Amino acid sequence: MTTILTNGRFYTFDQSQPTVEAVVVKDGKIVDLGSHRDMLLQWGRPEASVRDLDGKTATPGLIDSHLHLSSIATKMLAMDLGSITSKEGLLQLVKERANKTLATEWVQGRGWDENRFIAGGLPTIEELDAVSPHCPVLLTRVCGHVVLVNSKALEIAGYSADMDIPAGGTVVLDPLTQKPTGLLLETAANIVQRHIPDLTYEQLKQALRRAIGQAMQCGLTSVHTEDLRGLGGLDQTWRLYDELLNEEKLGLRCNLLIYYPHVKRLVERGMYAGYGNEKLQIGAVKIFADGSFGGRTAYLSAPYTDDPGNVGSEIHDDETLYQLFKEARDAKMPIAVHTIGDQALENVLDTLGKFPTVAYRDRMIHTSLLRPDLLKRLKSPSIVADIQPRFVVGDFPWVAERIGEERAKQAYVWKSMLDAGIMCAGGSDAPVEPLEPLLGIHAAVSRRAPQDTHEGYYPSENLTIEEAVRIFTYGGALATNEEAVKGTLSRGKYADMTVYSKNLFEIEHDELLSTNIEMTIINGEVCYERGGNKNLCEI
C-alpha cells in the first residue's frame, strides 16, 4: 500500500532536497518526496492512505548509537538511585527495600552519583550492613563502572584478601585496616555479580519489551545496544531480540554489539557484522580499554589533578589488547572500544593501526578526553567517534577539579571533532544518562544542565541544533555502515522518521526541553503516537 505523509515540514538532510512538504512511502521505503501538491497529484490514488501531519516538523528517524537496552530493562526492576542527593537518603532507601526483602534475595539499585550528594559522602560498608544486615546489597554507580556492596554480598562472593580479582578490577581497601570499604571498581564487580540469580527468560523478555517501547516513545527508530552481559550471552540475546522484533514485530531496529568473550561463539554460529535483517543485525565487537572519570578509572596520560598518584585503570595491557583485536580481526569483525581517557585512546589507536581495516567501520566509544594530537588521528574513513553529549551534564563542573582546568577544555570537544572532519555518532549510554535523545541534543547545543542558565561549559564547543540532530540521525547510520539505507530522507531509503511538536530548527535551545515527540515512524508505520489510539506497532 502507498502512504502519503503530507502537510509537514520534513528536514531531509539530503542536499538534493533539504526540505519538503510530503513524503511518499511504499513497502516500507521512501519512493518519492516533494511538495504537497505534486505528491498528491502523482500518488493520490483512491487506494493510497494520506496522513496529514498538520504542519509538524519531521526529521530522519533518531538513532541512538550507544545504549544498553538490557540495563534499561533490568533497571525497571531495581531501585532507581538517580534522584538521591545525600548519604542518608541512600541509606534510607536501602533500609526500606531491605525490610521487604528475604535473606535469600538481593537488594539492587542503580544510578547513585556521589557528585550530586549535598551531604554525607558515600556510605561505609558498616553503614550498609546496619541497614541491611540479613540480605546482600549491590548498588551500581551511574557510570556503571563502580559498585557499592555490603558485607553479606562479599560473604556470598567468598571474598578473601588473597582472592584472585579479574584483570583491570580493584577491591578498594581502607588504608588503615586493609579491609574492604564496599567499593568495587571495574571488573572487580564480577566477583559479586556472578552470584546474583538470573532472571527467568520470560522476565527478561517482558522487561526488554518495555524498554523497546520506551525507546520508541522517545522518538528512536534505531538503536545500537550492548546486551550480551545482561541477557545471558549471544544465543539467548539473539533469541530474545529475534522473537520481539521479527516475530512480534515491535518496530525498533536494533544493532547488537558483541562483548568480546563471545566472539568464538559468534564464529561458531556463522554470524558476522551485518548478519541478520533490516530489523536486527550483528554489530561490532565491544571491548573496554578503561573506566570512567567518576570512578577515577579513566586511563590518563598524566595523573588525576585531585589524586596525584593515580592515572586510572588500564583494563587490558598492550599484549592482551593486541590479542583481543586480533581475535576480532580474524573473524573479520569491526571493533567498538570504550575509551574515555586520553591514554586509553592513544593505546587503542596504536594497536588498531597494526591491523588492516574490515568492511565495517571501527568505533571509538565516548572519546571523552582528546588531546590535539589525538584529534588529528581520529579523522579516518574507517573510524567513527561514538559520542554521548549528556556526559557534559553528568560530569561538569566536578570533572574540572578531577582532571584539571586545562584538560577539562579538551573534554567533549564535539565542535572541534566535526570541524576536523571526524565522523561522529550520537548516543546516550542509557541508563548511564537519560534515554531521551532530545536531552542529548540539548546538551550538545548548550553544554550545560537544563536548569542552568550560563552559556555552557567551554561554549566554543557548542553545536548548532542542525549539527546535533545530524549526529543523532546520519551519524548513527555511519556507525553501522547503513548510510545507504537510513540517516536521511531520500528515495530508496527506509521510511524512518521522527515527528516533533515544535520546529527544532526555529526555536531557542531551551525550547528543546518542552518539545514533545509526536510520532515515531518506522518502515512507514506509526510505532508511537503521542496521545493516540492503538497504532500499527503498539506493544
Protein backbone atom coordinates (compact mmCIF):
# COMPACT_ATOMS: atom_id res chain seq x y z
CA MET A 1 0.00 0.00 0.00
CA THR A 2 1.11 3.55 -0.70
CA THR A 3 1.13 6.05 2.16
CA ILE A 4 1.46 9.80 1.64
CA LEU A 5 2.70 11.72 4.67
CA THR A 6 1.89 15.30 3.86
CA ASN A 7 1.43 18.84 5.15
CA GLY A 8 4.62 18.55 7.17
CA ARG A 9 7.98 20.29 7.35
CA PHE A 10 10.36 17.47 6.53
CA TYR A 11 14.05 18.25 7.03
CA THR A 12 15.64 15.54 4.91
CA PHE A 13 19.40 16.11 5.47
CA ASP A 14 19.62 15.23 1.77
CA GLN A 15 21.33 18.08 -0.09
CA SER A 16 19.34 17.43 -3.26
CA GLN A 17 16.08 18.32 -1.45
CA PRO A 18 16.81 19.81 2.00
CA THR A 19 13.16 20.41 2.91
CA VAL A 20 9.92 19.01 1.52
CA GLU A 21 6.22 19.12 2.37
CA ALA A 22 5.35 15.49 1.67
CA VAL A 23 6.94 12.02 1.65
CA VAL A 24 5.55 9.01 -0.21
CA VAL A 25 6.10 5.55 1.27
CA LYS A 26 5.64 2.15 -0.34
CA ASP A 27 6.68 -1.22 1.08
CA GLY A 28 8.44 0.47 3.98
CA LYS A 29 10.66 2.69 1.82
CA ILE A 30 10.56 6.25 0.54
CA VAL A 31 9.64 6.27 -3.13
CA ASP A 32 9.12 9.99 -3.65
CA LEU A 33 9.14 13.31 -1.84
CA GLY A 34 8.37 16.90 -2.72
CA SER A 35 5.59 19.46 -2.45
CA HIS A 36 2.16 18.65 -1.07
CA ARG A 37 0.55 19.43 -4.42
CA ASP A 38 2.94 17.39 -6.54
CA MET A 39 2.89 14.30 -4.33
CA LEU A 40 -0.90 14.19 -4.17
CA LEU A 41 -1.10 14.76 -7.92
CA GLN A 42 1.31 11.93 -8.71
CA TRP A 43 0.44 9.43 -5.98
CA GLY A 44 -3.06 10.35 -4.77
CA ARG A 45 -4.91 7.24 -5.94
CA PRO A 46 -8.11 6.10 -4.18
CA GLU A 47 -6.26 3.20 -2.57
CA ALA A 48 -3.48 5.44 -1.18
CA SER A 49 -3.50 6.32 2.50
CA VAL A 50 -2.97 10.02 3.25
CA ARG A 51 -1.66 11.11 6.66
CA ASP A 52 -1.81 14.84 7.42
CA LEU A 53 0.97 15.99 9.78
CA ASP A 54 -0.81 19.28 10.43
CA GLY A 55 2.32 21.34 9.78
CA LYS A 56 4.52 19.49 12.25
CA THR A 57 8.27 19.08 11.79
CA ALA A 58 9.87 15.74 10.91
CA THR A 59 13.47 14.59 10.53
CA PRO A 60 15.10 11.30 9.59
CA GLY A 61 14.47 8.81 12.38
CA LEU A 62 16.54 9.40 15.50
CA ILE A 63 19.27 6.83 16.15
CA ASP A 64 20.98 6.15 19.49
CA SER A 65 24.46 4.90 18.66
CA HIS A 66 25.26 3.50 22.09
CA LEU A 67 23.00 2.32 24.87
CA HIS A 68 22.14 -0.78 26.90
CA LEU A 69 18.52 -1.82 26.44
CA SER A 70 19.07 -4.76 28.79
CA SER A 71 20.20 -2.43 31.58
CA ILE A 72 17.28 -0.08 30.90
CA ALA A 73 15.03 -3.13 31.19
CA THR A 74 16.52 -4.51 34.40
CA LYS A 75 16.77 -1.03 35.94
CA MET A 76 12.97 -1.01 35.88
CA LEU A 77 13.13 -3.96 38.29
CA ALA A 78 15.66 -2.37 40.68
CA MET A 79 15.78 0.80 42.77
CA ASP A 80 16.37 3.98 40.78
CA LEU A 81 19.02 5.92 42.70
CA GLY A 82 19.37 8.78 40.23
CA SER A 83 17.48 11.29 42.37
CA ILE A 84 19.37 10.57 45.62
CA THR A 85 21.29 13.62 46.88
CA SER A 86 22.66 12.50 50.26
CA LYS A 87 24.15 9.54 52.07
CA GLU A 88 21.22 9.46 54.46
CA GLY A 89 18.76 9.38 51.60
CA LEU A 90 20.58 6.45 50.02
CA LEU A 91 20.74 4.50 53.29
CA GLN A 92 17.06 5.13 54.00
CA LEU A 93 16.05 3.81 50.58
CA VAL A 94 18.20 0.69 51.04
CA LYS A 95 16.72 0.14 54.50
CA GLU A 96 13.15 0.39 53.23
CA ARG A 97 13.85 -2.10 50.43
CA ALA A 98 15.80 -4.46 52.73
CA ASN A 99 12.91 -4.58 55.21
CA LYS A 100 10.78 -6.06 52.40
CA THR A 101 13.47 -8.44 51.13
CA LEU A 102 14.12 -12.05 52.13
CA ALA A 103 17.59 -13.14 53.22
CA THR A 104 17.89 -15.19 50.02
CA GLU A 105 17.19 -12.19 47.78
CA TRP A 106 19.31 -9.23 46.71
CA VAL A 107 18.76 -5.53 47.23
CA GLN A 108 19.83 -3.86 43.98
CA GLY A 109 19.84 -0.28 42.74
CA ARG A 110 21.46 1.80 40.05
CA GLY A 111 22.22 5.44 39.40
CA TRP A 112 23.92 6.86 42.52
CA ASP A 113 26.38 9.67 41.92
CA GLU A 114 28.37 10.99 44.86
CA ASN A 115 28.99 14.24 42.99
CA ARG A 116 25.30 15.06 43.43
CA PHE A 117 25.37 14.43 47.18
CA ILE A 118 24.96 17.63 49.14
CA ALA A 119 25.87 15.93 52.43
CA GLY A 120 27.46 12.84 53.90
CA GLY A 121 29.73 11.34 51.26
CA LEU A 122 29.39 7.66 50.41
CA PRO A 123 28.08 5.12 52.92
CA THR A 124 30.67 2.89 54.55
CA ILE A 125 30.31 -0.86 54.36
CA GLU A 126 29.43 -0.83 58.07
CA GLU A 127 26.59 1.62 57.44
CA LEU A 128 25.24 -0.57 54.64
CA ASP A 129 25.47 -3.58 56.97
CA ALA A 130 23.45 -1.72 59.59
CA VAL A 131 20.52 -1.03 57.23
CA SER A 132 20.66 -4.42 55.51
CA PRO A 133 22.22 -6.99 57.86
CA HIS A 134 20.37 -10.03 56.55
CA CYS A 135 20.47 -9.73 52.75
CA PRO A 136 23.15 -8.82 50.18
CA VAL A 137 23.25 -5.32 48.67
CA LEU A 138 24.70 -4.23 45.32
CA LEU A 139 24.34 -0.59 44.26
CA THR A 140 25.73 0.42 40.86
CA ARG A 141 27.09 3.91 40.25
CA VAL A 142 25.53 5.95 37.44
CA CYS A 143 28.54 5.30 35.19
CA GLY A 144 28.25 1.51 35.57
CA HIS A 145 31.97 1.20 36.40
CA VAL A 146 31.72 1.21 40.20
CA VAL A 147 29.52 -0.74 42.60
CA LEU A 148 28.93 -0.45 46.34
CA VAL A 149 28.25 -3.65 48.28
CA ASN A 150 27.71 -4.72 51.88
CA SER A 151 29.49 -7.46 53.84
CA LYS A 152 26.77 -10.01 53.08
CA ALA A 153 27.47 -9.63 49.35
CA LEU A 154 31.21 -10.14 49.89
CA GLU A 155 30.48 -13.15 52.08
CA ILE A 156 28.36 -14.76 49.36
CA ALA A 157 31.14 -14.00 46.86
CA GLY A 158 33.64 -15.81 49.08
CA TYR A 159 35.86 -12.76 49.22
CA SER A 160 39.23 -13.04 50.96
CA ALA A 161 42.39 -10.94 50.91
CA ASP A 162 44.15 -13.45 48.67
CA MET A 163 41.26 -13.85 46.23
CA ASP A 164 42.06 -13.51 42.53
CA ILE A 165 40.45 -10.31 41.22
CA PRO A 166 39.69 -10.10 37.48
CA ALA A 167 42.26 -8.13 35.49
CA GLY A 168 41.52 -4.42 35.45
CA GLY A 169 39.47 -4.51 38.65
CA THR A 170 40.10 -3.20 42.15
CA VAL A 171 38.62 -4.00 45.55
CA VAL A 172 39.05 -0.71 47.40
CA LEU A 173 40.55 -1.24 50.86
CA ASP A 174 40.66 1.02 53.91
CA PRO A 175 44.27 2.28 54.09
CA LEU A 176 44.40 1.76 57.86
CA THR A 177 42.62 -1.56 58.37
CA GLN A 178 43.18 -3.04 54.88
CA LYS A 179 39.57 -4.22 54.96
CA PRO A 180 37.11 -3.69 52.08
CA THR A 181 35.26 -0.37 52.03
CA GLY A 182 32.46 -1.86 49.95
CA LEU A 183 33.61 -0.18 46.72
CA LEU A 184 34.44 -2.43 43.78
CA LEU A 185 35.91 -0.82 40.68
CA GLU A 186 35.55 -2.04 37.11
CA THR A 187 35.82 -5.83 36.66
CA ALA A 188 36.10 -6.43 40.42
CA ALA A 189 32.31 -6.15 40.48
CA ASN A 190 32.20 -9.52 38.72
CA ILE A 191 33.18 -11.37 41.90
CA VAL A 192 29.81 -10.37 43.36
CA GLN A 193 27.60 -10.00 40.29
CA ARG A 194 28.11 -13.63 39.22
CA HIS A 195 26.32 -14.75 42.38
CA ILE A 196 23.13 -12.78 41.69
CA PRO A 197 20.41 -15.19 40.48
CA ASP A 198 19.49 -14.78 36.83
CA LEU A 199 16.07 -13.55 35.84
CA THR A 200 13.91 -16.07 34.01
CA TYR A 201 13.67 -15.90 30.24
CA GLU A 202 10.12 -14.59 30.41
CA GLN A 203 11.08 -11.93 33.00
CA LEU A 204 13.87 -10.73 30.73
CA LYS A 205 11.61 -10.74 27.69
CA GLN A 206 8.87 -8.75 29.38
CA ALA A 207 11.34 -6.18 30.70
CA LEU A 208 13.06 -5.89 27.31
CA ARG A 209 9.70 -5.45 25.61
CA ARG A 210 9.00 -2.47 27.88
CA ALA A 211 12.45 -0.98 27.20
CA ILE A 212 11.90 -1.22 23.43
CA GLY A 213 8.57 0.53 23.82
CA GLN A 214 10.19 3.26 25.88
CA ALA A 215 12.82 3.81 23.20
CA MET A 216 10.18 4.33 20.52
CA GLN A 217 8.25 6.73 22.77
CA CYS A 218 11.44 8.80 22.90
CA GLY A 219 11.44 9.10 19.10
CA LEU A 220 14.10 6.47 18.43
CA THR A 221 13.80 4.41 15.27
CA SER A 222 17.14 2.56 15.60
CA VAL A 223 19.48 1.76 18.48
CA HIS A 224 22.92 0.21 18.82
CA THR A 225 22.80 -1.79 22.04
CA GLU A 226 25.30 -3.80 24.08
CA ASP A 227 23.45 -6.53 26.00
CA LEU A 228 25.22 -9.89 25.96
CA ARG A 229 26.44 -9.46 29.55
CA GLY A 230 22.94 -8.68 30.79
CA LEU A 231 20.88 -11.10 28.72
CA GLY A 232 22.75 -14.37 29.19
CA GLY A 233 25.16 -14.49 26.26
CA LEU A 234 24.91 -14.45 22.47
CA ASP A 235 22.41 -17.26 21.93
CA GLN A 236 19.81 -16.02 24.40
CA THR A 237 20.27 -12.35 23.47
CA TRP A 238 19.74 -13.08 19.78
CA ARG A 239 16.71 -15.24 20.56
CA LEU A 240 15.10 -12.53 22.71
CA TYR A 241 15.52 -9.83 20.10
CA ASP A 242 14.55 -12.12 17.23
CA GLU A 243 11.28 -13.01 18.94
CA LEU A 244 10.48 -9.41 19.88
CA LEU A 245 11.48 -7.68 16.64
CA ASN A 246 10.91 -10.28 13.93
CA GLU A 247 8.09 -12.38 15.41
CA GLU A 248 6.21 -9.79 17.47
CA LYS A 249 7.25 -7.01 15.05
CA LEU A 250 7.74 -4.36 17.71
CA GLY A 251 9.18 -1.91 15.18
CA LEU A 252 12.51 -0.71 16.60
CA ARG A 253 15.65 -1.53 14.60
CA CYS A 254 18.44 -2.96 16.77
CA ASN A 255 22.15 -3.43 16.09
CA LEU A 256 23.78 -5.72 18.67
CA LEU A 257 27.32 -5.05 19.89
CA ILE A 258 29.11 -8.31 20.72
CA TYR A 259 31.02 -8.35 24.02
CA TYR A 260 34.49 -9.71 23.22
CA PRO A 261 34.35 -13.04 25.17
CA HIS A 262 31.57 -14.13 22.81
CA VAL A 263 33.49 -13.80 19.53
CA LYS A 264 34.24 -17.54 19.45
CA ARG A 265 30.55 -18.37 19.75
CA LEU A 266 29.76 -15.77 17.08
CA VAL A 267 32.09 -17.56 14.66
CA GLU A 268 30.67 -20.97 15.61
CA ARG A 269 27.19 -19.74 14.68
CA GLY A 270 28.37 -18.35 11.36
CA MET A 271 27.46 -14.79 12.36
CA TYR A 272 29.31 -11.64 11.32
CA ALA A 273 28.89 -7.86 11.21
CA GLY A 274 25.73 -7.13 9.26
CA TYR A 275 24.31 -10.63 9.84
CA GLY A 276 20.53 -10.53 10.21
CA ASN A 277 17.95 -8.36 8.51
CA GLU A 278 16.76 -4.77 8.43
CA LYS A 279 15.27 -5.08 11.95
CA LEU A 280 18.01 -6.99 13.79
CA GLN A 281 21.72 -7.10 12.96
CA ILE A 282 25.05 -8.08 14.44
CA GLY A 283 27.35 -5.11 15.07
CA ALA A 284 30.94 -4.61 16.22
CA VAL A 285 32.96 -6.39 18.92
CA LYS A 286 32.78 -4.40 22.19
CA ILE A 287 36.00 -4.07 24.23
CA PHE A 288 36.79 -1.90 27.26
CA ALA A 289 40.09 -0.02 27.34
CA ASP A 290 39.46 1.92 30.57
CA GLY A 291 36.82 3.11 33.03
CA SER A 292 35.22 6.45 33.94
CA PHE A 293 36.10 9.89 35.26
CA GLY A 294 33.62 9.40 38.09
CA GLY A 295 35.43 6.33 39.42
CA ARG A 296 38.88 7.81 38.60
CA THR A 297 39.40 4.76 36.40
CA ALA A 298 39.55 6.51 33.01
CA TYR A 299 43.15 5.91 31.84
CA LEU A 300 45.03 9.22 31.57
CA SER A 301 48.45 10.15 30.22
CA ALA A 302 49.12 12.16 33.41
CA PRO A 303 47.75 11.72 36.95
CA TYR A 304 44.39 12.97 38.14
CA THR A 305 44.64 16.50 39.47
CA ASP A 306 42.72 15.57 42.63
CA ASP A 307 44.53 12.22 43.05
CA PRO A 308 48.17 12.79 42.02
CA GLY A 309 49.26 9.18 42.42
CA ASN A 310 46.55 7.81 40.13
CA VAL A 311 46.38 7.70 36.31
CA GLY A 312 43.33 5.44 36.18
CA SER A 313 42.88 1.84 35.08
CA GLU A 314 44.20 0.09 32.01
CA ILE A 315 41.67 -2.71 31.60
CA HIS A 316 43.96 -4.70 29.29
CA ASP A 317 47.73 -4.48 28.89
CA ASP A 318 49.17 -3.90 25.41
CA GLU A 319 49.65 -7.59 24.64
CA THR A 320 46.16 -8.57 25.75
CA LEU A 321 44.61 -5.69 23.83
CA TYR A 322 46.50 -6.81 20.72
CA GLN A 323 45.23 -10.38 21.09
CA LEU A 324 41.63 -9.22 21.55
CA PHE A 325 41.86 -7.07 18.43
CA LYS A 326 43.45 -9.97 16.54
CA GLU A 327 40.63 -12.32 17.51
CA ALA A 328 38.09 -9.80 16.24
CA ARG A 329 40.00 -9.18 13.02
CA ASP A 330 40.47 -12.92 12.43
CA ALA A 331 36.67 -13.06 12.46
CA LYS A 332 36.64 -10.05 10.06
CA MET A 333 34.79 -8.03 12.68
CA PRO A 334 34.90 -4.29 13.36
CA ILE A 335 35.83 -3.17 16.85
CA ALA A 336 33.98 -0.81 19.21
CA VAL A 337 36.22 0.26 22.09
CA HIS A 338 35.25 2.11 25.26
CA THR A 339 37.86 4.88 25.56
CA ILE A 340 37.34 7.79 27.95
CA GLY A 341 40.87 8.75 28.97
CA ASP A 342 43.43 10.13 26.51
CA GLN A 343 45.97 7.39 27.22
CA ALA A 344 43.35 4.71 26.64
CA LEU A 345 42.51 6.21 23.26
CA GLU A 346 46.17 6.53 22.30
CA ASN A 347 46.83 2.89 23.16
CA VAL A 348 43.78 1.75 21.21
CA LEU A 349 44.71 3.75 18.11
CA ASP A 350 48.29 2.46 18.28
CA THR A 351 47.07 -1.13 18.49
CA LEU A 352 44.37 -0.70 15.86
CA GLY A 353 46.98 0.61 13.43
CA LYS A 354 48.65 -2.81 13.42
CA PHE A 355 45.65 -4.40 11.71
CA PRO A 356 44.03 -3.94 8.31
CA THR A 357 40.55 -2.44 8.17
CA VAL A 358 37.47 -4.58 7.54
CA ALA A 359 34.25 -3.95 5.63
CA TYR A 360 32.60 -2.16 8.56
CA ARG A 361 33.90 0.91 10.42
CA ASP A 362 35.55 0.67 13.82
CA ARG A 363 34.13 2.78 16.64
CA MET A 364 35.76 4.71 19.46
CA ILE A 365 33.06 4.88 22.13
CA HIS A 366 32.97 8.08 24.25
CA THR A 367 36.36 9.61 23.21
CA SER A 368 35.85 11.92 26.17
CA LEU A 369 39.34 13.42 26.57
CA LEU A 370 41.03 14.39 23.31
CA ARG A 371 44.49 15.91 23.17
CA PRO A 372 45.08 17.88 19.92
CA ASP A 373 47.32 15.14 18.51
CA LEU A 374 44.59 12.54 19.10
CA LEU A 375 42.03 14.79 17.43
CA LYS A 376 44.05 14.56 14.23
CA ARG A 377 44.42 10.78 14.50
CA LEU A 378 40.68 10.21 14.83
CA LYS A 379 39.96 11.53 11.35
CA SER A 380 39.74 8.36 9.32
CA PRO A 381 37.31 6.91 6.76
CA SER A 382 37.26 3.70 8.82
CA ILE A 383 36.64 5.17 12.32
CA VAL A 384 33.52 6.68 13.87
CA ALA A 385 33.63 8.55 17.18
CA ASP A 386 30.65 7.40 19.21
CA ILE A 387 29.88 10.37 21.48
CA GLN A 388 27.42 10.95 24.34
CA PRO A 389 26.57 14.67 24.72
CA ARG A 390 24.70 14.23 28.01
CA PHE A 391 28.00 13.33 29.69
CA VAL A 392 28.58 17.10 29.97
CA VAL A 393 25.56 17.37 32.25
CA GLY A 394 26.70 14.46 34.40
CA ASP A 395 30.40 15.41 34.56
CA PHE A 396 30.59 19.21 34.81
CA PRO A 397 31.60 21.12 36.85
CA TRP A 398 33.29 18.49 39.05
CA VAL A 399 35.33 16.96 36.22
CA ALA A 400 37.40 20.16 36.01
CA GLU A 401 38.55 19.57 39.59
CA ARG A 402 39.23 15.92 38.85
CA ILE A 403 41.39 16.31 35.74
CA GLY A 404 42.31 20.00 35.93
CA GLU A 405 41.12 23.07 34.06
CA GLU A 406 43.42 22.68 31.05
CA ARG A 407 42.44 19.08 30.40
CA ALA A 408 38.77 19.89 31.01
CA LYS A 409 38.99 22.19 27.98
CA GLN A 410 39.93 19.10 25.94
CA ALA A 411 36.92 17.11 27.18
CA TYR A 412 33.85 16.57 24.99
CA VAL A 413 35.16 18.76 22.17
CA TRP A 414 32.45 17.90 19.66
CA LYS A 415 32.66 21.09 17.62
CA SER A 416 36.40 20.60 17.19
CA MET A 417 35.75 17.00 16.20
CA LEU A 418 33.26 17.93 13.50
CA ASP A 419 35.47 20.77 12.26
CA ALA A 420 38.36 18.29 12.00
CA GLY A 421 36.27 16.06 9.73
CA ILE A 422 35.76 13.28 12.28
CA MET A 423 32.67 11.17 11.73
CA CYS A 424 30.54 11.38 14.90
CA ALA A 425 27.52 9.38 16.01
CA GLY A 426 25.31 10.49 18.90
CA GLY A 427 24.16 8.27 21.73
CA SER A 428 23.02 8.32 25.35
CA ASP A 429 24.76 5.36 27.02
CA ALA A 430 21.40 4.90 28.75
CA PRO A 431 20.77 4.11 31.52
CA VAL A 432 24.01 5.92 32.43
CA GLU A 433 22.35 9.07 31.05
CA PRO A 434 18.68 9.59 30.13
CA LEU A 435 17.36 7.71 27.11
CA GLU A 436 15.60 10.76 25.59
CA PRO A 437 17.61 11.92 22.53
CA LEU A 438 16.18 15.44 22.79
CA LEU A 439 18.03 15.76 26.10
CA GLY A 440 21.23 14.66 24.36
CA ILE A 441 20.63 17.18 21.59
CA HIS A 442 20.03 19.92 24.17
CA ALA A 443 23.29 19.02 25.92
CA ALA A 444 25.15 19.14 22.60
CA VAL A 445 23.94 22.65 21.80
CA SER A 446 24.02 24.14 25.33
CA ARG A 447 26.80 22.18 27.13
CA ARG A 448 25.02 22.61 30.44
CA ALA A 449 22.28 21.12 32.58
CA PRO A 450 18.67 22.02 31.70
CA GLN A 451 18.28 24.06 34.90
CA ASP A 452 21.44 26.11 34.31
CA THR A 453 21.37 29.49 32.57
CA HIS A 454 25.03 30.11 31.66
CA GLU A 455 26.35 29.92 28.10
CA GLY A 456 27.74 26.42 28.60
CA TYR A 457 30.96 24.83 29.75
CA TYR A 458 33.54 25.97 27.18
CA PRO A 459 30.85 27.24 24.80
CA SER A 460 33.16 27.35 21.79
CA GLU A 461 32.40 23.61 21.57
CA ASN A 462 28.60 24.10 21.41
CA LEU A 463 26.97 22.54 18.36
CA THR A 464 24.15 24.04 16.35
CA ILE A 465 20.81 22.25 16.57
CA GLU A 466 21.23 21.06 13.00
CA GLU A 467 24.68 19.60 13.76
CA ALA A 468 23.33 17.90 16.88
CA VAL A 469 20.32 16.37 15.13
CA ARG A 470 22.57 15.22 12.29
CA ILE A 471 24.83 13.19 14.62
CA PHE A 472 21.71 11.54 16.09
CA THR A 473 20.47 10.60 12.60
CA TYR A 474 23.01 10.39 9.79
CA GLY A 475 25.85 9.86 12.28
CA GLY A 476 24.15 6.78 13.69
CA ALA A 477 23.85 5.37 10.19
CA LEU A 478 27.57 5.92 9.57
CA ALA A 479 28.46 3.93 12.67
CA THR A 480 26.93 0.77 11.21
CA ASN A 481 27.71 1.43 7.54
CA GLU A 482 24.00 1.92 6.84
CA GLU A 483 24.12 5.41 5.36
CA ALA A 484 22.80 3.99 2.05
CA VAL A 485 19.52 2.92 3.71
CA LYS A 486 18.96 5.32 6.63
CA GLY A 487 20.09 8.62 8.14
CA THR A 488 18.46 10.91 5.55
CA LEU A 489 15.02 11.13 3.99
CA SER A 490 15.87 10.08 0.45
CA ARG A 491 14.34 7.96 -2.27
CA GLY A 492 15.04 4.27 -1.73
CA LYS A 493 15.83 4.59 2.00
CA TYR A 494 13.82 3.21 4.90
CA ALA A 495 10.80 5.33 5.75
CA ASP A 496 12.04 6.03 9.30
CA MET A 497 11.05 9.44 10.68
CA THR A 498 10.64 11.27 13.97
CA VAL A 499 7.92 13.93 14.23
CA TYR A 500 8.08 16.77 16.78
CA SER A 501 5.66 19.21 18.37
CA LYS A 502 7.94 22.16 17.52
CA ASN A 503 10.22 23.08 14.66
CA LEU A 504 13.61 22.17 16.11
CA PHE A 505 15.41 24.46 13.69
CA GLU A 506 13.46 27.62 14.51
CA ILE A 507 13.50 27.56 18.31
CA GLU A 508 15.85 28.61 21.09
CA HIS A 509 17.97 25.89 22.66
CA ASP A 510 15.96 25.58 25.85
CA GLU A 511 12.72 25.11 23.93
CA LEU A 512 14.04 21.64 23.09
CA LEU A 513 13.20 20.75 26.70
CA SER A 514 9.49 21.40 26.15
CA THR A 515 9.38 19.76 22.71
CA ASN A 516 7.37 16.54 22.53
CA ILE A 517 7.79 13.54 20.30
CA GLU A 518 4.56 13.45 18.32
CA MET A 519 5.23 10.35 16.24
CA THR A 520 7.84 7.69 15.71
CA ILE A 521 7.54 6.22 12.22
CA ILE A 522 9.49 3.07 11.32
CA ASN A 523 9.24 1.42 7.92
CA GLY A 524 6.40 3.81 7.16
CA GLU A 525 4.35 2.61 10.13
CA VAL A 526 3.45 4.74 13.12
CA CYS A 527 5.04 2.87 16.02
CA TYR A 528 4.32 5.57 18.58
CA GLU A 529 1.90 8.49 18.58
CA ARG A 530 1.54 10.87 21.48
CA GLY A 531 -1.97 10.72 22.86
CA GLY A 532 -3.00 8.47 20.00
CA ASN A 533 -5.04 5.30 19.93
CA LYS A 534 -3.63 1.84 19.29
CA ASN A 535 -1.17 2.07 16.42
CA LEU A 536 0.49 -0.27 13.97
CA CYS A 537 3.49 -1.16 16.13
CA GLU A 538 1.86 -0.93 19.56
CA ILE A 539 3.21 -3.27 22.21
